[in-house]
Amino acid sequence: VQLQASGGGLVQAGGSLRLSCAPSGRIFGIVSMGWYRQAPEKQRELVARIISNGTTAYADSMKGRFTISRDNAKNTVYLQMNSLKPEDTAVYYCNVRGYYYRAYDYWGQGTQVTVSS
């Protein structure tokens, strides 16, 4: 299974973007879906995560600005990003974890988000 992330781009500070991540095929047994990001010369960090019962979790710096959601029928996860700041500039990766006969941990290829000041 491959995850295809899209929606990144260049936006001015204060603007918005919506990221999407869809799998190449049907995924069973999803436990959680999430977004991570990695800025140049920094470690990859969690942005937001949503688990199978709909509970969400956000990194502190994203609370109130970012919203994660999912379409269970499409196994697609979204990240609505508002009030973007230059420090949000990074490559954003989607992630899907679960268990179906065996544990799995899928990563998307990343989508670049650049916020200009």
N, C-alpha and C. Protein backbone atom coordinates (compact mmCIF):
# COMPACT_ATOMS: atom_id res chain seq x y z
N VAL A 1 0.84 -1.19 0.00
CA VAL A 1 0.00 0.00 0.00
C VAL A 1 0.88 1.24 0.00
N GLN A 2 0.56 2.18 -0.85
CA GLN A 2 1.27 3.45 -0.87
C GLN A 2 0.31 4.56 -0.46
N LEU A 3 0.85 5.53 0.26
CA LEU A 3 0.06 6.69 0.66
C LEU A 3 0.45 7.87 -0.20
N GLN A 4 -0.54 8.53 -0.76
CA GLN A 4 -0.30 9.68 -1.63
C GLN A 4 -0.76 10.95 -0.93
N ALA A 5 0.20 11.78 -0.56
CA ALA A 5 -0.12 13.04 0.09
C ALA A 5 -0.16 14.15 -0.95
N SER A 6 -1.07 15.07 -0.76
CA SER A 6 -1.21 16.20 -1.67
C SER A 6 -1.73 17.42 -0.92
N GLY A 7 -1.67 18.57 -1.60
CA GLY A 7 -2.22 19.78 -1.01
C GLY A 7 -1.19 20.77 -0.52
N GLY A 8 0.07 20.39 -0.54
CA GLY A 8 1.09 21.32 -0.11
C GLY A 8 1.30 22.43 -1.12
N GLY A 9 2.10 23.41 -0.74
CA GLY A 9 2.37 24.50 -1.64
C GLY A 9 2.95 25.68 -0.91
N LEU A 10 2.95 26.81 -1.60
CA LEU A 10 3.48 28.06 -1.07
C LEU A 10 2.32 28.95 -0.67
N VAL A 11 2.36 29.47 0.54
CA VAL A 11 1.29 30.32 1.04
C VAL A 11 1.89 31.41 1.90
N GLN A 12 1.23 32.54 1.95
CA GLN A 12 1.71 33.62 2.80
C GLN A 12 1.31 33.37 4.25
N ALA A 13 2.06 33.96 5.13
CA ALA A 13 1.73 33.85 6.55
C ALA A 13 0.30 34.30 6.80
N GLY A 14 -0.40 33.53 7.62
CA GLY A 14 -1.79 33.81 7.89
C GLY A 14 -2.75 33.06 6.98
N GLY A 15 -2.22 32.47 5.95
CA GLY A 15 -3.04 31.74 5.00
C GLY A 15 -3.36 30.33 5.46
N SER A 16 -4.03 29.60 4.56
CA SER A 16 -4.49 28.25 4.87
C SER A 16 -4.13 27.28 3.76
N LEU A 17 -3.98 26.04 4.15
CA LEU A 17 -3.81 24.94 3.21
C LEU A 17 -4.53 23.73 3.76
N ARG A 18 -4.94 22.85 2.87
CA ARG A 18 -5.56 21.60 3.29
C ARG A 18 -4.81 20.45 2.65
N LEU A 19 -4.23 19.62 3.47
CA LEU A 19 -3.52 18.46 3.00
C LEU A 19 -4.45 17.25 2.98
N SER A 20 -4.20 16.38 2.01
CA SER A 20 -4.95 15.13 1.92
C SER A 20 -3.97 13.98 1.79
N CYS A 21 -4.38 12.84 2.26
CA CYS A 21 -3.54 11.64 2.14
C CYS A 21 -4.45 10.46 1.89
N ALA A 22 -4.28 9.85 0.74
CA ALA A 22 -5.12 8.73 0.36
C ALA A 22 -4.25 7.52 0.02
N PRO A 23 -4.70 6.33 0.36
CA PRO A 23 -3.93 5.14 0.03
C PRO A 23 -4.19 4.67 -1.38
N SER A 24 -3.26 3.87 -1.88
CA SER A 24 -3.41 3.33 -3.24
C SER A 24 -4.42 2.20 -3.27
N GLY A 25 -4.71 1.64 -2.10
CA GLY A 25 -5.68 0.56 -2.02
C GLY A 25 -6.38 0.56 -0.69
N ARG A 26 -7.31 -0.35 -0.54
CA ARG A 26 -8.06 -0.43 0.69
C ARG A 26 -7.16 -0.89 1.83
N ILE A 27 -7.32 -0.26 3.00
CA ILE A 27 -6.56 -0.64 4.19
C ILE A 27 -7.53 -1.10 5.26
N PHE A 28 -7.23 -2.26 5.85
CA PHE A 28 -8.09 -2.80 6.90
C PHE A 28 -7.37 -2.70 8.25
N GLY A 29 -8.13 -2.59 9.30
CA GLY A 29 -7.55 -2.62 10.63
C GLY A 29 -6.81 -1.36 11.04
N ILE A 30 -7.21 -0.22 10.49
CA ILE A 30 -6.51 1.03 10.84
C ILE A 30 -6.73 1.35 12.31
N VAL A 31 -5.66 1.64 13.00
CA VAL A 31 -5.73 2.06 14.39
C VAL A 31 -5.59 3.58 14.48
N SER A 32 -4.66 4.13 13.74
CA SER A 32 -4.50 5.58 13.79
C SER A 32 -3.98 6.10 12.45
N MET A 33 -4.31 7.36 12.19
CA MET A 33 -3.82 8.06 11.02
C MET A 33 -3.28 9.40 11.51
N GLY A 34 -2.21 9.85 10.89
CA GLY A 34 -1.64 11.08 11.40
C GLY A 34 -0.78 11.81 10.40
N TRP A 35 -0.37 12.98 10.83
CA TRP A 35 0.54 13.81 10.05
C TRP A 35 1.76 14.15 10.91
N TYR A 36 2.91 14.08 10.26
CA TYR A 36 4.16 14.49 10.85
C TYR A 36 4.78 15.52 9.93
N ARG A 37 5.77 16.23 10.43
CA ARG A 37 6.47 17.17 9.57
C ARG A 37 7.95 17.19 9.93
N GLN A 38 8.74 17.56 8.94
CA GLN A 38 10.17 17.67 9.16
C GLN A 38 10.69 18.91 8.45
N ALA A 39 11.21 19.82 9.24
CA ALA A 39 11.83 21.02 8.70
C ALA A 39 13.32 20.75 8.46
N PRO A 40 13.95 21.55 7.63
CA PRO A 40 15.37 21.35 7.35
C PRO A 40 16.20 21.33 8.63
N GLU A 41 17.05 20.33 8.73
CA GLU A 41 17.96 20.18 9.86
C GLU A 41 17.25 19.97 11.19
N LYS A 42 16.02 19.53 11.13
CA LYS A 42 15.28 19.23 12.35
C LYS A 42 14.74 17.81 12.29
N GLN A 43 14.41 17.27 13.43
CA GLN A 43 13.85 15.93 13.47
C GLN A 43 12.38 15.95 13.08
N ARG A 44 11.92 14.82 12.59
CA ARG A 44 10.51 14.70 12.26
C ARG A 44 9.70 14.78 13.55
N GLU A 45 8.61 15.52 13.49
CA GLU A 45 7.77 15.70 14.68
C GLU A 45 6.31 15.44 14.36
N LEU A 46 5.59 15.03 15.38
CA LEU A 46 4.16 14.81 15.23
C LEU A 46 3.44 16.13 15.08
N VAL A 47 2.52 16.18 14.13
CA VAL A 47 1.65 17.34 13.96
C VAL A 47 0.29 17.05 14.59
N ALA A 48 -0.33 15.97 14.14
CA ALA A 48 -1.65 15.61 14.65
C ALA A 48 -1.91 14.14 14.36
N ARG A 49 -2.80 13.56 15.17
CA ARG A 49 -3.12 12.15 14.99
C ARG A 49 -4.59 11.95 15.34
N ILE A 50 -5.21 11.03 14.61
CA ILE A 50 -6.60 10.68 14.88
C ILE A 50 -6.69 9.16 14.95
N ILE A 51 -7.31 8.67 16.02
CA ILE A 51 -7.39 7.23 16.16
C ILE A 51 -8.77 6.72 15.73
N SER A 52 -8.94 5.43 15.77
CA SER A 52 -10.10 4.80 15.16
C SER A 52 -11.43 5.26 15.76
N ASN A 53 -11.43 5.67 17.03
CA ASN A 53 -12.70 6.12 17.63
C ASN A 53 -12.94 7.61 17.42
N GLY A 54 -12.06 8.25 16.66
CA GLY A 54 -12.24 9.66 16.34
C GLY A 54 -11.50 10.61 17.26
N THR A 55 -10.90 10.11 18.29
CA THR A 55 -10.13 10.96 19.20
C THR A 55 -8.93 11.55 18.48
N THR A 56 -8.71 12.83 18.70
CA THR A 56 -7.59 13.52 18.05
C THR A 56 -6.58 14.00 19.07
N ALA A 57 -5.37 14.20 18.59
CA ALA A 57 -4.30 14.75 19.41
C ALA A 57 -3.45 15.65 18.53
N TYR A 58 -3.00 16.75 19.12
CA TYR A 58 -2.21 17.72 18.37
C TYR A 58 -0.96 18.10 19.15
N ALA A 59 0.07 18.45 18.40
CA ALA A 59 1.21 19.07 19.03
C ALA A 59 0.78 20.44 19.54
N ASP A 60 1.38 20.87 20.62
CA ASP A 60 0.93 22.11 21.26
C ASP A 60 0.93 23.30 20.31
N SER A 61 1.94 23.40 19.48
CA SER A 61 2.05 24.58 18.61
C SER A 61 1.01 24.60 17.50
N MET A 62 0.31 23.49 17.29
CA MET A 62 -0.70 23.41 16.23
C MET A 62 -2.12 23.51 16.77
N LYS A 63 -2.28 23.39 18.06
CA LYS A 63 -3.62 23.42 18.64
C LYS A 63 -4.30 24.74 18.33
N GLY A 64 -5.54 24.63 17.88
CA GLY A 64 -6.31 25.82 17.56
C GLY A 64 -6.11 26.33 16.14
N ARG A 65 -5.06 25.84 15.48
CA ARG A 65 -4.80 26.28 14.10
C ARG A 65 -5.00 25.15 13.09
N PHE A 66 -4.66 23.93 13.50
CA PHE A 66 -4.75 22.79 12.59
C PHE A 66 -5.89 21.88 13.04
N THR A 67 -6.52 21.24 12.05
CA THR A 67 -7.58 20.28 12.34
C THR A 67 -7.37 19.04 11.50
N ILE A 68 -7.30 17.91 12.17
CA ILE A 68 -7.17 16.64 11.46
C ILE A 68 -8.55 15.97 11.38
N SER A 69 -8.81 15.35 10.25
CA SER A 69 -10.06 14.64 10.07
C SER A 69 -9.83 13.45 9.16
N ARG A 70 -10.82 12.58 9.08
CA ARG A 70 -10.65 11.40 8.23
C ARG A 70 -11.97 11.02 7.59
N ASP A 71 -11.84 10.39 6.45
CA ASP A 71 -12.99 9.81 5.76
C ASP A 71 -12.80 8.30 5.83
N ASN A 72 -13.55 7.67 6.69
CA ASN A 72 -13.34 6.23 6.90
C ASN A 72 -13.63 5.42 5.64
N ALA A 73 -14.60 5.84 4.88
CA ALA A 73 -14.96 5.09 3.68
C ALA A 73 -13.82 5.10 2.66
N LYS A 74 -13.07 6.18 2.64
CA LYS A 74 -11.98 6.32 1.67
C LYS A 74 -10.61 6.07 2.28
N ASN A 75 -10.58 5.79 3.59
CA ASN A 75 -9.29 5.64 4.29
C ASN A 75 -8.41 6.86 4.07
N THR A 76 -9.02 8.01 3.96
CA THR A 76 -8.28 9.24 3.66
C THR A 76 -8.22 10.11 4.91
N VAL A 77 -7.07 10.72 5.12
CA VAL A 77 -6.90 11.63 6.25
C VAL A 77 -6.57 13.02 5.71
N TYR A 78 -7.10 14.02 6.39
CA TYR A 78 -6.94 15.40 5.98
C TYR A 78 -6.29 16.21 7.10
N LEU A 79 -5.66 17.29 6.70
CA LEU A 79 -5.13 18.22 7.68
C LEU A 79 -5.44 19.63 7.19
N GLN A 80 -6.35 20.28 7.87
CA GLN A 80 -6.68 21.66 7.57
C GLN A 80 -5.77 22.54 8.41
N MET A 81 -5.00 23.38 7.72
CA MET A 81 -4.03 24.23 8.40
C MET A 81 -4.41 25.68 8.18
N ASN A 82 -4.71 26.37 9.26
CA ASN A 82 -5.08 27.78 9.22
C ASN A 82 -4.04 28.61 9.96
N SER A 83 -4.09 29.90 9.73
CA SER A 83 -3.18 30.82 10.41
C SER A 83 -1.74 30.34 10.33
N LEU A 84 -1.33 29.98 9.14
CA LEU A 84 0.00 29.42 8.96
C LEU A 84 1.08 30.44 9.26
N LYS A 85 2.17 29.93 9.81
CA LYS A 85 3.31 30.76 10.18
C LYS A 85 4.55 30.29 9.41
N PRO A 86 5.53 31.16 9.24
CA PRO A 86 6.76 30.72 8.56
C PRO A 86 7.40 29.49 9.21
N GLU A 87 7.28 29.36 10.51
CA GLU A 87 7.86 28.21 11.19
C GLU A 87 7.11 26.90 10.93
N ASP A 88 5.99 27.00 10.23
CA ASP A 88 5.28 25.78 9.82
C ASP A 88 5.87 25.21 8.53
N THR A 89 6.80 25.91 7.94
CA THR A 89 7.45 25.43 6.72
C THR A 89 8.17 24.12 6.99
N ALA A 90 7.82 23.11 6.20
CA ALA A 90 8.37 21.77 6.39
C ALA A 90 7.82 20.85 5.32
N VAL A 91 8.37 19.65 5.28
CA VAL A 91 7.76 18.58 4.50
C VAL A 91 6.82 17.83 5.42
N TYR A 92 5.58 17.69 4.99
CA TYR A 92 4.56 17.04 5.80
C TYR A 92 4.34 15.62 5.29
N TYR A 93 4.37 14.68 6.23
CA TYR A 93 4.21 13.27 5.90
C TYR A 93 2.96 12.71 6.57
N CYS A 94 2.22 11.91 5.83
CA CYS A 94 1.10 11.22 6.45
C CYS A 94 1.54 9.83 6.88
N ASN A 95 0.83 9.30 7.84
CA ASN A 95 1.18 8.03 8.44
C ASN A 95 -0.08 7.26 8.80
N VAL A 96 -0.06 5.98 8.53
CA VAL A 96 -1.19 5.11 8.88
C VAL A 96 -0.64 3.89 9.60
N ARG A 97 -1.20 3.60 10.76
CA ARG A 97 -0.78 2.45 11.54
C ARG A 97 -1.98 1.58 11.88
N GLY A 98 -1.72 0.29 11.97
CA GLY A 98 -2.81 -0.59 12.31
C GLY A 98 -2.38 -2.02 12.39
N TYR A 99 -3.37 -2.88 12.38
CA TYR A 99 -3.08 -4.32 12.45
C TYR A 99 -4.13 -5.06 11.64
N TYR A 100 -3.63 -5.88 10.72
CA TYR A 100 -4.51 -6.78 9.95
C TYR A 100 -3.70 -8.01 9.64
N TYR A 101 -3.82 -9.02 10.42
CA TYR A 101 -2.98 -10.21 10.39
C TYR A 101 -1.57 -9.92 10.88
N ARG A 102 -1.09 -8.73 10.62
CA ARG A 102 0.20 -8.30 11.16
C ARG A 102 0.18 -6.78 11.29
N ALA A 103 1.05 -6.27 12.11
CA ALA A 103 1.12 -4.83 12.30
C ALA A 103 1.71 -4.16 11.05
N TYR A 104 1.23 -2.96 10.78
CA TYR A 104 1.78 -2.20 9.68
C TYR A 104 1.94 -0.74 10.08
N ASP A 105 2.80 -0.05 9.34
CA ASP A 105 3.14 1.35 9.62
C ASP A 105 3.52 1.98 8.28
N TYR A 106 2.55 2.60 7.63
CA TYR A 106 2.75 3.14 6.30
C TYR A 106 3.04 4.63 6.35
N TRP A 107 3.93 5.07 5.46
CA TRP A 107 4.28 6.49 5.35
C TRP A 107 4.08 6.99 3.94
N GLY A 108 3.58 8.21 3.82
CA GLY A 108 3.47 8.85 2.52
C GLY A 108 4.81 9.43 2.11
N GLN A 109 4.86 9.94 0.88
CA GLN A 109 6.11 10.43 0.34
C GLN A 109 6.43 11.85 0.78
N GLY A 110 5.50 12.53 1.40
CA GLY A 110 5.74 13.89 1.87
C GLY A 110 5.26 14.93 0.88
N THR A 111 4.78 16.02 1.42
CA THR A 111 4.37 17.15 0.59
C THR A 111 4.92 18.42 1.22
N GLN A 112 5.52 19.26 0.39
CA GLN A 112 6.19 20.45 0.89
C GLN A 112 5.19 21.57 1.18
N VAL A 113 5.30 22.13 2.36
CA VAL A 113 4.54 23.32 2.74
C VAL A 113 5.53 24.43 3.03
N THR A 114 5.38 25.53 2.32
CA THR A 114 6.26 26.68 2.51
C THR A 114 5.41 27.90 2.84
N VAL A 115 5.70 28.50 3.96
CA VAL A 115 4.96 29.68 4.40
C VAL A 115 5.89 30.88 4.36
N SER A 116 5.54 31.85 3.53
CA SER A 116 6.38 33.04 3.41
C SER A 116 5.93 34.13 4.38
N SER A 117 6.88 34.92 4.81
CA SER A 117 6.55 35.98 5.78
C SER A 117 6.17 37.28 5.09
